[in-house]
Protein backbone atom coordinates (compact mmCIF):
# COMPACT_ATOMS: atom_id res chain seq x y z
CA MET A 1 -11.60 -8.42 0.51
CA LEU A 2 -12.06 -5.53 -1.87
CA LEU A 3 -9.92 -2.39 -1.47
CA LYS A 4 -13.04 -0.36 -0.64
CA GLU A 5 -13.99 -2.67 2.15
CA PHE A 6 -10.40 -2.55 3.54
CA LEU A 7 -10.58 1.29 3.50
CA ASP A 8 -14.05 1.19 5.21
CA LYS A 9 -12.37 -0.38 8.22
CA LYS A 10 -10.72 2.99 8.88
CA ILE A 11 -7.67 1.40 10.59
CA PHE A 12 -5.07 3.31 8.52
CA VAL A 13 -4.79 6.96 7.54
CA VAL A 14 -5.61 7.57 3.89
CA LEU A 15 -2.94 9.71 2.20
CA ASN A 16 -4.44 9.08 -1.31
CA GLU A 17 -7.50 7.14 -2.32
CA GLY A 18 -6.88 5.58 -5.64
CA LYS A 19 -9.15 4.76 -8.52
CA ASP A 20 -9.63 0.92 -8.48
CA LEU A 21 -11.54 0.47 -5.25
CA ASP A 22 -13.09 -2.78 -6.51
CA LYS A 23 -9.61 -4.40 -6.69
CA GLU A 24 -9.42 -7.72 -4.73
CA LEU A 25 -6.68 -7.58 -2.12
CA THR A 26 -4.88 -10.91 -2.05
CA LYS A 27 -2.23 -10.86 0.75
CA VAL A 28 0.21 -8.71 2.63
CA PHE A 29 3.70 -8.18 1.31
CA CYS A 30 6.33 -6.45 3.49
CA CYS A 31 9.56 -5.21 1.84
CA ASP A 32 11.71 -2.09 1.48
CA LEU A 33 13.75 -3.13 -1.52
CA LEU A 34 12.07 -1.80 -4.68
CA SER A 35 13.65 -4.50 -6.97
CA ILE A 36 12.29 -7.26 -4.68
CA ALA A 37 8.85 -5.71 -4.47
CA MET A 38 8.75 -5.32 -8.22
CA SER A 39 9.66 -8.94 -8.82
CA LYS A 40 7.95 -10.73 -5.92
CA ALA A 41 4.91 -8.76 -4.77
CA PRO A 42 1.79 -10.58 -5.70
CA SER A 43 -0.81 -8.71 -7.83
CA GLY A 44 -3.39 -7.25 -5.46
CA SER A 45 -1.14 -7.29 -2.45
CA VAL A 46 -1.10 -4.83 0.45
CA TRP A 47 2.47 -3.59 0.29
CA VAL A 48 3.81 -2.48 3.61
CA THR A 49 6.95 -0.36 3.36
CA VAL A 50 8.64 2.84 4.53
CA MET A 51 9.43 3.87 0.98
CA GLY A 52 7.45 7.00 0.32
CA ASN A 53 9.00 8.14 -2.92
CA VAL A 54 7.94 8.28 -6.60
CA ASN A 55 9.81 5.03 -7.28
CA ALA A 56 7.56 3.13 -4.86
CA ILE A 57 4.47 4.47 -6.71
CA ALA A 58 5.98 3.28 -9.98
CA VAL A 59 6.72 -0.16 -8.58
CA SER A 60 3.17 -0.45 -7.25
CA VAL A 61 1.75 0.31 -10.70
CA LEU A 62 4.14 -2.15 -12.51
CA ALA A 63 3.46 -4.92 -9.97
CA GLU A 64 -0.36 -4.23 -9.89
CA ILE A 65 -0.20 -3.80 -6.14
CA GLY A 66 -3.60 -3.34 -4.44
CA CYS A 67 -2.42 -0.54 -2.12
CA ILE A 68 0.63 0.71 -0.24
CA ILE A 69 0.76 1.21 3.51
CA LEU A 70 3.60 3.41 4.73
CA ALA A 71 4.58 2.13 8.11
CA GLU A 72 6.44 3.85 10.97
CA ASP A 73 4.85 7.18 10.20
CA ALA A 74 6.76 7.39 6.93
CA ASN A 75 5.31 10.02 4.52
CA LEU A 76 4.93 10.46 0.76
CA ASP A 77 7.10 13.22 -0.60
CA GLU A 78 5.30 15.83 -2.74
CA THR A 79 6.38 14.26 -6.07
CA ALA A 80 5.24 10.83 -4.90
CA LEU A 81 1.91 12.12 -3.80
CA ALA A 82 1.36 13.84 -7.08
CA LYS A 83 2.28 10.62 -8.92
CA ALA A 84 -0.05 8.57 -6.67
CA ARG A 85 -2.89 10.90 -7.52
CA GLU A 86 -2.05 10.76 -11.31
CA GLN A 87 -1.71 7.02 -11.36
CA GLY A 88 -4.74 6.36 -9.04
CA VAL A 89 -2.63 4.44 -6.40
CA THR A 90 -4.15 4.07 -2.89
CA VAL A 91 -1.58 4.99 -0.23
CA LEU A 92 -2.26 4.53 3.50
CA LYS A 93 -0.21 5.38 6.56
CA SER A 94 0.39 3.66 9.88
CA SER A 95 2.37 4.76 12.98
CA SER A 96 3.18 1.14 13.82
CA PRO A 97 6.36 -0.73 12.79
CA ILE A 98 6.38 -2.64 9.58
CA PHE A 99 5.78 -6.05 11.19
CA ASP A 100 2.91 -4.87 13.31
CA THR A 101 1.33 -2.93 10.39
CA GLY A 102 1.57 -6.08 8.19
CA LEU A 103 0.00 -8.22 10.92
CA ILE A 104 -2.86 -5.75 11.36
CA ALA A 105 -3.48 -5.70 7.54
CA HIS A 106 -3.15 -9.57 7.43
CA ASN A 107 -5.78 -9.91 10.25
CA LEU A 108 -8.15 -7.57 8.41
CA LEU A 109 -7.79 -9.52 5.15
CA ASN A 110 -8.27 -12.90 6.81
CA GLY A 111 -11.01 -11.90 9.22
């Protein structure tokens, strides 16, 4: 599923719509350790985390992540939002726990 199709489902709140909406989303990856996400998140993945800081944005760019979903009503801080806009990173938000958010995203990707 393309990122733009994922966004069109309007399941999650959009905090920042990134640049590469034609990116193919591959799978869901749930993790709150930046070093693990950087080394293990598949390219094009939907990364579910509560890490709403500038380091999460940097990791998403380095790992070529498709989008970030902040679970549990986590927010981006102002620096992270500015960096997401600058880098073109799509960041979404969910009020659900990480597992539930990941399951919803998985079900969307796998129809």
